[in-house]
Amino acid sequence: MTRFATHYGAYEIDSVPGQPQIAHCHSLFVKREHRGRGHGTALKAHQMNTLRELGYDYATCTTDGSNERQRAVLERAGWSLLQNIPNGRTGGITQLWGWVVKLAPGREAGF
C-alpha cells in the first residue's frame, strides 16, 4: 500500500496482486474543511498524474453507488463505469470504475 497526501486530502494506490501493471486506487479522502471547493477533482487529477508517473497501464477504483460527488469527479476525470455490483453487506450498490492510464509525454509504450 502506498499513501499519497496533499494539504487538502489523500489517497492510496496498490498494484493488483499478480497484475503489477494494474493499479487499484482507494481511500480517496478530502479533508472536511476543504470540501465543496473542487479539491476532489484536484485530488483525482493528482492521483491520475501519480499513476502515469508510476507507469501503470490501467487503474480501477470502487465507490458507493449513492456517492454522487465521487461519481461526478470520476466522470469529469474520464473514468468509465464498468459494473454496478449489489453489495450484500449494505444492501446498496458498489460501483467498479476503470481508467486507461495515458502515457506521459516522451514516454514509450512498453508493448
PDB file of N, CA and C in Angstrom:
ATOM      1  N   MET A   1       0.844  -1.176   0.000  1.00  0.00           N
ATOM      2  CA  MET A   1       0.000   0.000   0.000  1.00  0.00           C
ATOM      3  C   MET A   1       0.888   1.238   0.000  1.00  0.00           C
ATOM      4  N   THR A   2       0.581   2.154  -0.881  1.00  0.00           N
ATOM      5  CA  THR A   2       1.286   3.426  -0.914  1.00  0.00           C
ATOM      6  C   THR A   2       0.269   4.539  -0.762  1.00  0.00           C
ATOM      7  N   ARG A   3       0.491   5.388   0.243  1.00  0.00           N
ATOM      8  CA  ARG A   3      -0.408   6.507   0.523  1.00  0.00           C
ATOM      9  C   ARG A   3       0.240   7.792   0.025  1.00  0.00           C
ATOM     10  N   PHE A   4      -0.554   8.611  -0.643  1.00  0.00           N
ATOM     11  CA  PHE A   4      -0.107   9.899  -1.150  1.00  0.00           C
ATOM     12  C   PHE A   4      -0.986  10.975  -0.526  1.00  0.00           C
ATOM     13  N   ALA A   5      -0.385  12.094  -0.158  1.00  0.00           N
ATOM     14  CA  ALA A   5      -1.149  13.141   0.529  1.00  0.00           C
ATOM     15  C   ALA A   5      -0.825  14.516  -0.026  1.00  0.00           C
ATOM     16  N   THR A   6      -1.826  15.381   0.015  1.00  0.00           N
ATOM     17  CA  THR A   6      -1.677  16.802  -0.268  1.00  0.00           C
ATOM     18  C   THR A   6      -2.184  17.542   0.967  1.00  0.00           C
ATOM     19  N   HIS A   7      -2.138  18.855   0.947  1.00  0.00           N
ATOM     20  CA  HIS A   7      -2.635  19.599   2.111  1.00  0.00           C
ATOM     21  C   HIS A   7      -4.157  19.506   2.244  1.00  0.00           C
ATOM     22  N   TYR A   8      -4.870  19.102   1.173  1.00  0.00           N
ATOM     23  CA  TYR A   8      -6.322  19.047   1.220  1.00  0.00           C
ATOM     24  C   TYR A   8      -6.895  17.630   1.245  1.00  0.00           C
ATOM     25  N   GLY A   9      -6.060  16.600   1.091  1.00  0.00           N
ATOM     26  CA  GLY A   9      -6.596  15.247   1.118  1.00  0.00           C
ATOM     27  C   GLY A   9      -5.538  14.202   0.826  1.00  0.00           C
ATOM     28  N   ALA A  10      -5.976  12.959   0.661  1.00  0.00           N
ATOM     29  CA  ALA A  10      -5.059  11.848   0.444  1.00  0.00           C
ATOM     30  C   ALA A  10      -5.745  10.731  -0.330  1.00  0.00           C
ATOM     31  N   TYR A  11      -4.944   9.788  -0.800  1.00  0.00           N
ATOM     32  CA  TYR A  11      -5.440   8.604  -1.485  1.00  0.00           C
ATOM     33  C   TYR A  11      -4.373   7.523  -1.410  1.00  0.00           C
ATOM     34  N   GLU A  12      -4.767   6.297  -1.761  1.00  0.00           N
ATOM     35  CA  GLU A  12      -3.846   5.172  -1.776  1.00  0.00           C
ATOM     36  C   GLU A  12      -3.893   4.487  -3.134  1.00  0.00           C
ATOM     37  N   ILE A  13      -2.763   3.917  -3.526  1.00  0.00           N
ATOM     38  CA  ILE A  13      -2.643   3.160  -4.769  1.00  0.00           C
ATOM     39  C   ILE A  13      -1.942   1.851  -4.442  1.00  0.00           C
ATOM     40  N   ASP A  14      -2.524   0.745  -4.885  1.00  0.00           N
ATOM     41  CA  ASP A  14      -1.909  -0.573  -4.745  1.00  0.00           C
ATOM     42  C   ASP A  14      -1.869  -1.240  -6.112  1.00  0.00           C
ATOM     43  N   SER A  15      -0.834  -2.036  -6.356  1.00  0.00           N
ATOM     44  CA  SER A  15      -0.817  -2.883  -7.538  1.00  0.00           C
ATOM     45  C   SER A  15      -1.748  -4.061  -7.287  1.00  0.00           C
ATOM     46  N   VAL A  16      -2.445  -4.486  -8.334  1.00  0.00           N
ATOM     47  CA  VAL A  16      -3.300  -5.656  -8.223  1.00  0.00           C
ATOM     48  C   VAL A  16      -2.399  -6.888  -8.120  1.00  0.00           C
ATOM     49  N   PRO A  17      -2.616  -7.749  -7.132  1.00  0.00           N
ATOM     50  CA  PRO A  17      -1.765  -8.940  -6.993  1.00  0.00           C
ATOM     51  C   PRO A  17      -1.727  -9.765  -8.281  1.00  0.00           C
ATOM     52  N   GLY A  18      -0.534 -10.100  -8.718  1.00  0.00           N
ATOM     53  CA  GLY A  18      -0.355 -10.884  -9.928  1.00  0.00           C
ATOM     54  C   GLY A  18      -0.475 -10.091 -11.213  1.00  0.00           C
ATOM     55  N   GLN A  19      -0.856  -8.817 -11.125  1.00  0.00           N
ATOM     56  CA  GLN A  19      -1.009  -7.945 -12.289  1.00  0.00           C
ATOM     57  C   GLN A  19      -0.397  -6.582 -11.979  1.00  0.00           C
ATOM     58  N   PRO A  20       0.920  -6.491 -11.861  1.00  0.00           N
ATOM     59  CA  PRO A  20       1.546  -5.255 -11.383  1.00  0.00           C
ATOM     60  C   PRO A  20       1.384  -4.038 -12.295  1.00  0.00           C
ATOM     61  N   GLN A  21       0.896  -4.246 -13.524  1.00  0.00           N
ATOM     62  CA  GLN A  21       0.673  -3.102 -14.412  1.00  0.00           C
ATOM     63  C   GLN A  21      -0.692  -2.463 -14.170  1.00  0.00           C
ATOM     64  N   ILE A  22      -1.520  -3.098 -13.309  1.00  0.00           N
ATOM     65  CA  ILE A  22      -2.856  -2.575 -12.996  1.00  0.00           C
ATOM     66  C   ILE A  22      -2.864  -2.080 -11.555  1.00  0.00           C
ATOM     67  N   ALA A  23      -3.354  -0.878 -11.366  1.00  0.00           N
ATOM     68  CA  ALA A  23      -3.439  -0.274 -10.031  1.00  0.00           C
ATOM     69  C   ALA A  23      -4.875  -0.317  -9.538  1.00  0.00           C
ATOM     70  N   HIS A  24      -5.028  -0.475  -8.235  1.00  0.00           N
ATOM     71  CA  HIS A  24      -6.338  -0.264  -7.623  1.00  0.00           C
ATOM     72  C   HIS A  24      -6.205   0.950  -6.708  1.00  0.00           C
ATOM     73  N   CYS A  25      -7.013   1.955  -6.969  1.00  0.00           N
ATOM     74  CA  CYS A  25      -6.981   3.212  -6.219  1.00  0.00           C
ATOM     75  C   CYS A  25      -8.090   3.179  -5.173  1.00  0.00           C
ATOM     76  N   HIS A  26      -7.761   3.619  -3.978  1.00  0.00           N
ATOM     77  CA  HIS A  26      -8.769   3.593  -2.920  1.00  0.00           C
ATOM     78  C   HIS A  26      -8.452   4.628  -1.851  1.00  0.00           C
ATOM     79  N   SER A  27      -9.387   4.779  -0.940  1.00  0.00           N
ATOM     80  CA  SER A  27      -9.252   5.659   0.220  1.00  0.00           C
ATOM     81  C   SER A  27      -9.035   7.119  -0.153  1.00  0.00           C
ATOM     82  N   LEU A  28      -9.587   7.545  -1.305  1.00  0.00           N
ATOM     83  CA  LEU A  28      -9.510   8.964  -1.665  1.00  0.00           C
ATOM     84  C   LEU A  28     -10.362   9.746  -0.667  1.00  0.00           C
ATOM     85  N   PHE A  29      -9.755  10.739  -0.055  1.00  0.00           N
ATOM     86  CA  PHE A  29     -10.409  11.464   1.025  1.00  0.00           C
ATOM     87  C   PHE A  29     -10.029  12.936   0.981  1.00  0.00           C
ATOM     88  N   VAL A  30     -11.034  13.800   0.943  1.00  0.00           N
ATOM     89  CA  VAL A  30     -10.817  15.245   1.028  1.00  0.00           C
ATOM     90  C   VAL A  30     -11.156  15.669   2.453  1.00  0.00           C
ATOM     91  N   LYS A  31     -10.249  16.396   3.079  1.00  0.00           N
ATOM     92  CA  LYS A  31     -10.488  16.866   4.449  1.00  0.00           C
ATOM     93  C   LYS A  31     -11.756  17.713   4.489  1.00  0.00           C
ATOM     94  N   ARG A  32     -12.496  17.556   5.557  1.00  0.00           N
ATOM     95  CA  ARG A  32     -13.797  18.223   5.695  1.00  0.00           C
ATOM     96  C   ARG A  32     -13.721  19.736   5.410  1.00  0.00           C
ATOM     97  N   GLU A  33     -12.715  20.398   5.918  1.00  0.00           N
ATOM     98  CA  GLU A  33     -12.617  21.855   5.738  1.00  0.00           C
ATOM     99  C   GLU A  33     -12.306  22.269   4.300  1.00  0.00           C
ATOM    100  N   HIS A  34     -11.958  21.313   3.443  1.00  0.00           N
ATOM    101  CA  HIS A  34     -11.645  21.613   2.042  1.00  0.00           C
ATOM    102  C   HIS A  34     -12.721  21.128   1.079  1.00  0.00           C
ATOM    103  N   ARG A  35     -13.789  20.539   1.576  1.00  0.00           N
ATOM    104  CA  ARG A  35     -14.838  20.009   0.703  1.00  0.00           C
ATOM    105  C   ARG A  35     -15.666  21.137   0.092  1.00  0.00           C
ATOM    106  N   GLY A  36     -16.205  20.848  -1.097  1.00  0.00           N
ATOM    107  CA  GLY A  36     -17.069  21.812  -1.780  1.00  0.00           C
ATOM    108  C   GLY A  36     -16.321  22.910  -2.505  1.00  0.00           C
ATOM    109  N   ARG A  37     -15.005  22.746  -2.672  1.00  0.00           N
ATOM    110  CA  ARG A  37     -14.194  23.774  -3.347  1.00  0.00           C
ATOM    111  C   ARG A  37     -13.409  23.236  -4.540  1.00  0.00           C
ATOM    112  N   GLY A  38     -13.805  22.062  -5.034  1.00  0.00           N
ATOM    113  CA  GLY A  38     -13.123  21.491  -6.198  1.00  0.00           C
ATOM    114  C   GLY A  38     -11.884  20.685  -5.867  1.00  0.00           C
ATOM    115  N   HIS A  39     -11.633  20.469  -4.580  1.00  0.00           N
ATOM    116  CA  HIS A  39     -10.429  19.726  -4.218  1.00  0.00           C
ATOM    117  C   HIS A  39     -10.531  18.232  -4.537  1.00  0.00           C
ATOM    118  N   GLY A  40     -11.748  17.675  -4.615  1.00  0.00           N
ATOM    119  CA  GLY A  40     -11.901  16.279  -5.024  1.00  0.00           C
ATOM    120  C   GLY A  40     -11.419  16.088  -6.453  1.00  0.00           C
ATOM    121  N   THR A  41     -11.778  17.021  -7.322  1.00  0.00           N
ATOM    122  CA  THR A  41     -11.331  16.976  -8.712  1.00  0.00           C
ATOM    123  C   THR A  41      -9.819  17.145  -8.782  1.00  0.00           C
ATOM    124  N   ALA A  42      -9.286  18.073  -8.001  1.00  0.00           N
ATOM    125  CA  ALA A  42      -7.828  18.290  -7.986  1.00  0.00           C
ATOM    126  C   ALA A  42      -7.102  17.063  -7.449  1.00  0.00           C
ATOM    127  N   LEU A  43      -7.655  16.435  -6.427  1.00  0.00           N
ATOM    128  CA  LEU A  43      -7.018  15.257  -5.846  1.00  0.00           C
ATOM    129  C   LEU A  43      -7.056  14.088  -6.835  1.00  0.00           C
ATOM    130  N   LYS A  44      -8.158  13.921  -7.563  1.00  0.00           N
ATOM    131  CA  LYS A  44      -8.237  12.859  -8.578  1.00  0.00           C
ATOM    132  C   LYS A  44      -7.218  13.134  -9.675  1.00  0.00           C
ATOM    133  N   ALA A  45      -7.039  14.380 -10.092  1.00  0.00           N
ATOM    134  CA  ALA A  45      -6.027  14.715 -11.098  1.00  0.00           C
ATOM    135  C   ALA A  45      -4.625  14.398 -10.577  1.00  0.00           C
ATOM    136  N   HIS A  46      -4.367  14.702  -9.309  1.00  0.00           N
ATOM    137  CA  HIS A  46      -3.081  14.378  -8.684  1.00  0.00           C
ATOM    138  C   HIS A  46      -2.862  12.871  -8.722  1.00  0.00           C
ATOM    139  N   GLN A  47      -3.905  12.110  -8.376  1.00  0.00           N
ATOM    140  CA  GLN A  47      -3.820  10.652  -8.387  1.00  0.00           C
ATOM    141  C   GLN A  47      -3.520  10.137  -9.804  1.00  0.00           C
ATOM    142  N   MET A  48      -4.201  10.679 -10.784  1.00  0.00           N
ATOM    143  CA  MET A  48      -4.005  10.227 -12.163  1.00  0.00           C
ATOM    144  C   MET A  48      -2.596  10.536 -12.656  1.00  0.00           C
ATOM    145  N   ASN A  49      -2.060  11.688 -12.283  1.00  0.00           N
ATOM    146  CA  ASN A  49      -0.671  12.003 -12.638  1.00  0.00           C
ATOM    147  C   ASN A  49       0.295  11.045 -11.958  1.00  0.00           C
ATOM    148  N   THR A  50       0.012  10.694 -10.718  1.00  0.00           N
ATOM    149  CA  THR A  50       0.850   9.735 -10.000  1.00  0.00           C
ATOM    150  C   THR A  50       0.809   8.379 -10.699  1.00  0.00           C
ATOM    151  N   LEU A  51      -0.367   7.942 -11.137  1.00  0.00           N
ATOM    152  CA  LEU A  51      -0.484   6.677 -11.869  1.00  0.00           C
ATOM    153  C   LEU A  51       0.374   6.700 -13.134  1.00  0.00           C
ATOM    154  N   ARG A  52       0.375   7.818 -13.850  1.00  0.00           N
ATOM    155  CA  ARG A  52       1.219   7.957 -15.042  1.00  0.00           C
ATOM    156  C   ARG A  52       2.694   7.842 -14.668  1.00  0.00           C
ATOM    157  N   GLU A  53       3.082   8.610 -13.652  1.00  0.00           N
ATOM    158  CA  GLU A  53       4.480   8.625 -13.229  1.00  0.00           C
ATOM    159  C   GLU A  53       4.959   7.251 -12.767  1.00  0.00           C
ATOM    160  N   LEU A  54       4.068   6.479 -12.142  1.00  0.00           N
ATOM    161  CA  LEU A  54       4.431   5.149 -11.663  1.00  0.00           C
ATOM    162  C   LEU A  54       4.411   4.095 -12.769  1.00  0.00           C
ATOM    163  N   GLY A  55       3.938   4.466 -13.959  1.00  0.00           N
ATOM    164  CA  GLY A  55       3.994   3.576 -15.115  1.00  0.00           C
ATOM    165  C   GLY A  55       2.890   2.540 -15.218  1.00  0.00           C
ATOM    166  N   TYR A  56       1.760   2.771 -14.564  1.00  0.00           N
ATOM    167  CA  TYR A  56       0.641   1.825 -14.667  1.00  0.00           C
ATOM    168  C   TYR A  56      -0.011   1.926 -16.046  1.00  0.00           C
ATOM    169  N   ASP A  57      -0.586   0.801 -16.493  1.00  0.00           N
ATOM    170  CA  ASP A  57      -1.323   0.759 -17.754  1.00  0.00           C
ATOM    171  C   ASP A  57      -2.821   0.996 -17.563  1.00  0.00           C
ATOM    172  N   TYR A  58      -3.341   0.558 -16.413  1.00  0.00           N
ATOM    173  CA  TYR A  58      -4.772   0.627 -16.165  1.00  0.00           C
ATOM    174  C   TYR A  58      -4.997   0.811 -14.671  1.00  0.00           C
ATOM    175  N   ALA A  59      -6.100   1.466 -14.326  1.00  0.00           N
ATOM    176  CA  ALA A  59      -6.427   1.678 -12.910  1.00  0.00           C
ATOM    177  C   ALA A  59      -7.908   1.402 -12.684  1.00  0.00           C
ATOM    178  N   THR A  60      -8.209   0.901 -11.494  1.00  0.00           N
ATOM    179  CA  THR A  60      -9.590   0.688 -11.077  1.00  0.00           C
ATOM    180  C   THR A  60      -9.820   1.380  -9.743  1.00  0.00           C
ATOM    181  N   CYS A  61     -11.081   1.605  -9.440  1.00  0.00           N
ATOM    182  CA  CYS A  61     -11.474   2.074  -8.111  1.00  0.00           C
ATOM    183  C   CYS A  61     -12.933   1.691  -7.908  1.00  0.00           C
ATOM    184  N   THR A  62     -13.366   1.718  -6.667  1.00  0.00           N
ATOM    185  CA  THR A  62     -14.767   1.466  -6.361  1.00  0.00           C
ATOM    186  C   THR A  62     -15.321   2.643  -5.571  1.00  0.00           C
ATOM    187  N   THR A  63     -16.625   2.795  -5.654  1.00  0.00           N
ATOM    188  CA  THR A  63     -17.308   3.812  -4.858  1.00  0.00           C
ATOM    189  C   THR A  63     -18.711   3.313  -4.550  1.00  0.00           C
ATOM    190  N   ASP A  64     -19.272   3.843  -3.501  1.00  0.00           N
ATOM    191  CA  ASP A  64     -20.660   3.547  -3.174  1.00  0.00           C
ATOM    192  C   ASP A  64     -21.528   4.188  -4.254  1.00  0.00           C
ATOM    193  N   GLY A  65     -22.486   3.433  -4.769  1.00  0.00           N
ATOM    194  CA  GLY A  65     -23.339   3.940  -5.837  1.00  0.00           C
ATOM    195  C   GLY A  65     -24.130   5.180  -5.468  1.00  0.00           C
ATOM    196  N   SER A  66     -24.323   5.433  -4.179  1.00  0.00           N
ATOM    197  CA  SER A  66     -25.070   6.620  -3.757  1.00  0.00           C
ATOM    198  C   SER A  66     -24.180   7.854  -3.584  1.00  0.00           C
ATOM    199  N   ASN A  67     -22.870   7.714  -3.776  1.00  0.00           N
ATOM    200  CA  ASN A  67     -21.938   8.829  -3.587  1.00  0.00           C
ATOM    201  C   ASN A  67     -21.884   9.661  -4.870  1.00  0.00           C
ATOM    202  N   GLU A  68     -22.825  10.580  -4.993  1.00  0.00           N
ATOM    203  CA  GLU A  68     -22.958  11.386  -6.209  1.00  0.00           C
ATOM    204  C   GLU A  68     -21.737  12.261  -6.476  1.00  0.00           C
ATOM    205  N   ARG A  69     -21.144  12.824  -5.445  1.00  0.00           N
ATOM    206  CA  ARG A  69     -19.968  13.683  -5.646  1.00  0.00           C
ATOM    207  C   ARG A  69     -18.799  12.895  -6.218  1.00  0.00           C
ATOM    208  N   GLN A  70     -18.563  11.702  -5.674  1.00  0.00           N
ATOM    209  CA  GLN A  70     -17.457  10.893  -6.177  1.00  0.00           C
ATOM    210  C   GLN A  70     -17.713  10.448  -7.613  1.00  0.00           C
ATOM    211  N   ARG A  71     -18.942  10.077  -7.925  1.00  0.00           N
ATOM    212  CA  ARG A  71     -19.284   9.696  -9.302  1.00  0.00           C
ATOM    213  C   ARG A  71     -19.032  10.860 -10.250  1.00  0.00           C
ATOM    214  N   ALA A  72     -19.408  12.059  -9.852  1.00  0.00           N
ATOM    215  CA  ALA A  72     -19.206  13.231 -10.704  1.00  0.00           C
ATOM    216  C   ALA A  72     -17.717  13.489 -10.937  1.00  0.00           C
ATOM    217  N   VAL A  73     -16.907  13.340  -9.890  1.00  0.00           N
ATOM    218  CA  VAL A  73     -15.458  13.520 -10.030  1.00  0.00           C
ATOM    219  C   VAL A  73     -14.904  12.497 -11.022  1.00  0.00           C
ATOM    220  N   LEU A  74     -15.309  11.244 -10.885  1.00  0.00           N
ATOM    221  CA  LEU A  74     -14.821  10.191 -11.776  1.00  0.00           C
ATOM    222  C   LEU A  74     -15.248  10.449 -13.226  1.00  0.00           C
ATOM    223  N   GLU A  75     -16.488  10.835 -13.434  1.00  0.00           N
ATOM    224  CA  GLU A  75     -16.970  11.111 -14.790  1.00  0.00           C
ATOM    225  C   GLU A  75     -16.210  12.268 -15.422  1.00  0.00           C
ATOM    226  N   ARG A  76     -16.037  13.363 -14.670  1.00  0.00           N
ATOM    227  CA  ARG A  76     -15.297  14.522 -15.198  1.00  0.00           C
ATOM    228  C   ARG A  76     -13.857  14.165 -15.534  1.00  0.00           C
ATOM    229  N   ALA A  77     -13.281  13.241 -14.774  1.00  0.00           N
ATOM    230  CA  ALA A  77     -11.883  12.860 -14.974  1.00  0.00           C
ATOM    231  C   ALA A  77     -11.704  11.835 -16.095  1.00  0.00           C
ATOM    232  N   GLY A  78     -12.807  11.348 -16.669  1.00  0.00           N
ATOM    233  CA  GLY A  78     -12.708  10.433 -17.797  1.00  0.00           C
ATOM    234  C   GLY A  78     -12.686   8.958 -17.439  1.00  0.00           C
ATOM    235  N   TRP A  79     -13.026   8.609 -16.201  1.00  0.00           N
ATOM    236  CA  TRP A  79     -13.115   7.216 -15.798  1.00  0.00           C
ATOM    237  C   TRP A  79     -14.413   6.632 -16.342  1.00  0.00           C
ATOM    238  N   SER A  80     -14.439   5.318 -16.551  1.00  0.00           N
ATOM    239  CA  SER A  80     -15.615   4.631 -17.080  1.00  0.00           C
ATOM    240  C   SER A  80     -16.227   3.726 -16.015  1.00  0.00           C
ATOM    241  N   LEU A  81     -17.548   3.780 -15.893  1.00  0.00           N
ATOM    242  CA  LEU A  81     -18.256   2.864 -15.014  1.00  0.00           C
ATOM    243  C   LEU A  81     -18.240   1.494 -15.671  1.00  0.00           C
ATOM    244  N   LEU A  82     -17.658   0.505 -14.978  1.00  0.00           N
ATOM    245  CA  LEU A  82     -17.542  -0.842 -15.520  1.00  0.00           C
ATOM    246  C   LEU A  82     -18.668  -1.756 -15.063  1.00  0.00           C
ATOM    247  N   GLN A  83     -19.091  -1.604 -13.802  1.00  0.00           N
ATOM    248  CA  GLN A  83     -20.074  -2.538 -13.260  1.00  0.00           C
ATOM    249  C   GLN A  83     -20.743  -1.964 -12.021  1.00  0.00           C
ATOM    250  N   ASN A  84     -22.049  -2.183 -11.900  1.00  0.00           N
ATOM    251  CA  ASN A  84     -22.782  -1.957 -10.662  1.00  0.00           C
ATOM    252  C   ASN A  84     -22.883  -3.307  -9.968  1.00  0.00           C
ATOM    253  N   ILE A  85     -22.409  -3.395  -8.742  1.00  0.00           N
ATOM    254  CA  ILE A  85     -22.350  -4.660  -8.022  1.00  0.00           C
ATOM    255  C   ILE A  85     -23.236  -4.568  -6.785  1.00  0.00           C
ATOM    256  N   PRO A  86     -24.255  -5.425  -6.660  1.00  0.00           N
ATOM    257  CA  PRO A  86     -25.064  -5.414  -5.441  1.00  0.00           C
ATOM    258  C   PRO A  86     -24.173  -5.714  -4.235  1.00  0.00           C
ATOM    259  N   ASN A  87     -24.294  -4.894  -3.201  1.00  0.00           N
ATOM    260  CA  ASN A  87     -23.484  -5.051  -2.003  1.00  0.00           C
ATOM    261  C   ASN A  87     -24.303  -5.795  -0.953  1.00  0.00           C
ATOM    262  N   GLY A  88     -23.955  -7.060  -0.727  1.00  0.00           N
ATOM    263  CA  GLY A  88     -24.690  -7.896   0.209  1.00  0.00           C
ATOM    264  C   GLY A  88     -24.559  -7.455   1.653  1.00  0.00           C
ATOM    265  N   ARG A  89     -23.545  -6.658   1.957  1.00  0.00           N
ATOM    266  CA  ARG A  89     -23.361  -6.198   3.339  1.00  0.00           C
ATOM    267  C   ARG A  89     -24.184  -4.963   3.658  1.00  0.00           C
ATOM    268  N   THR A  90     -24.295  -4.057   2.692  1.00  0.00           N
ATOM    269  CA  THR A  90     -25.002  -2.803   2.959  1.00  0.00           C
ATOM    270  C   THR A  90     -26.390  -2.758   2.343  1.00  0.00           C
ATOM    271  N   GLY A  91     -26.630  -3.627   1.364  1.00  0.00           N
ATOM    272  CA  GLY A  91     -27.894  -3.579   0.645  1.00  0.00           C
ATOM    273  C   GLY A  91     -27.886  -2.554  -0.475  1.00  0.00           C
ATOM    274  N   GLY A  92     -26.804  -1.805  -0.613  1.00  0.00           N
ATOM    275  CA  GLY A  92     -26.686  -0.796  -1.657  1.00  0.00           C
ATOM    276  C   GLY A  92     -25.982  -1.346  -2.888  1.00  0.00           C
ATOM    277  N   ILE A  93     -25.430  -0.444  -3.650  1.00  0.00           N
ATOM    278  CA  ILE A  93     -24.698  -0.787  -4.868  1.00  0.00           C
ATOM    279  C   ILE A  93     -23.266  -0.272  -4.722  1.00  0.00           C
ATOM    280  N   THR A  94     -22.313  -1.121  -5.063  1.00  0.00           N
ATOM    281  CA  THR A  94     -20.917  -0.716  -5.171  1.00  0.00           C
ATOM    282  C   THR A  94     -20.611  -0.603  -6.655  1.00  0.00           C
ATOM    283  N   GLN A  95     -19.976   0.488  -7.046  1.00  0.00           N
ATOM    284  CA  GLN A  95     -19.637   0.684  -8.450  1.00  0.00           C
ATOM    285  C   GLN A  95     -18.148   0.438  -8.658  1.00  0.00           C
ATOM    286  N   LEU A  96     -17.818  -0.282  -9.739  1.00  0.00           N
ATOM    287  CA  LEU A  96     -16.439  -0.509 -10.155  1.00  0.00           C
ATOM    288  C   LEU A  96     -16.162   0.388 -11.353  1.00  0.00           C
ATOM    289  N   TRP A  97     -15.119   1.202 -11.248  1.00  0.00           N
ATOM    290  CA  TRP A  97     -14.735   2.152 -12.295  1.00  0.00           C
ATOM    291  C   TRP A  97     -13.354   1.793 -12.823  1.00  0.00           C
ATOM    292  N   GLY A  98     -13.076   2.146 -14.084  1.00  0.00           N
ATOM    293  CA  GLY A  98     -11.772   1.888 -14.674  1.00  0.00           C
ATOM    294  C   GLY A  98     -11.295   3.058 -15.510  1.00  0.00           C
ATOM    295  N   TRP A  99      -9.971   3.115 -15.684  1.00  0.00           N
ATOM    296  CA  TRP A  99      -9.364   4.191 -16.469  1.00  0.00           C
ATOM    297  C   TRP A  99      -8.091   3.685 -17.135  1.00  0.00           C
ATOM    298  N   VAL A 100      -7.971   3.907 -18.439  1.00  0.00           N
ATOM    299  CA  VAL A 100      -6.745   3.587 -19.166  1.00  0.00           C
ATOM    300  C   VAL A 100      -5.769   4.723 -18.913  1.00  0.00           C
ATOM    301  N   VAL A 101      -4.646   4.391 -18.306  1.00  0.00           N
ATOM    302  CA  VAL A 101      -3.647   5.408 -17.959  1.00  0.00           C
ATOM    303  C   VAL A 101      -2.939   5.839 -19.241  1.00  0.00           C
ATOM    304  N   LYS A 102      -2.962   7.114 -19.515  1.00  0.00           N
ATOM    305  CA  LYS A 102      -2.280   7.659 -20.686  1.00  0.00           C
ATOM    306  C   LYS A 102      -0.808   7.841 -20.365  1.00  0.00           C
ATOM    307  N   LEU A 103       0.031   7.576 -21.323  1.00  0.00           N
ATOM    308  CA  LEU A 103       1.462   7.733 -21.123  1.00  0.00           C
ATOM    309  C   LEU A 103       1.827   9.207 -21.000  1.00  0.00           C
ATOM    310  N   ALA A 104       2.769   9.493 -20.131  1.00  0.00           N
ATOM    311  CA  ALA A 104       3.281  10.852 -20.003  1.00  0.00           C
ATOM    312  C   ALA A 104       4.005  11.216 -21.299  1.00  0.00           C
ATOM    313  N   PRO A 105       4.022  12.505 -21.669  1.00  0.00           N
ATOM    314  CA  PRO A 105       4.722  12.925 -22.892  1.00  0.00           C
ATOM    315  C   PRO A 105       6.177  12.460 -22.870  1.00  0.00           C
ATOM    316  N   GLY A 106       6.619  11.909 -24.010  1.00  0.00           N
ATOM    317  CA  GLY A 106       8.015  11.477 -24.122  1.00  0.00           C
ATOM    318  C   GLY A 106       8.268  10.058 -23.653  1.00  0.00           C
ATOM    319  N   ARG A 107       7.257   9.398 -23.082  1.00  0.00           N
ATOM    320  CA  ARG A 107       7.415   8.011 -22.606  1.00  0.00           C
ATOM    321  C   ARG A 107       6.992   7.052 -23.706  1.00  0.00           C
ATOM    322  N   GLU A 108       7.753   6.015 -23.886  1.00  0.00           N
ATOM    323  CA  GLU A 108       7.436   4.995 -24.900  1.00  0.00           C
ATOM    324  C   GLU A 108       6.500   3.946 -24.303  1.00  0.00           C
ATOM    325  N   ALA A 109       5.592   3.440 -25.102  1.00  0.00           N
ATOM    326  CA  ALA A 109       4.752   2.336 -24.662  1.00  0.00           C
ATOM    327  C   ALA A 109       5.623   1.089 -24.503  1.00  0.00           C
ATOM    328  N   GLY A 110       5.358   0.311 -23.471  1.00  0.00           N
ATOM    329  CA  GLY A 110       6.176  -0.855 -23.194  1.00  0.00           C
ATOM    330  C   GLY A 110       5.671  -2.116 -23.888  1.00  0.00           C
ATOM    331  N   PHE A 111       4.837  -1.996 -24.904  1.00  0.00           N
ATOM    332  CA  PHE A 111       4.310  -3.193 -25.578  1.00  0.00           C
ATOM    333  C   PHE A 111       4.147  -2.947 -27.044  1.00  0.00           C
TER     334      PHE A 111
END
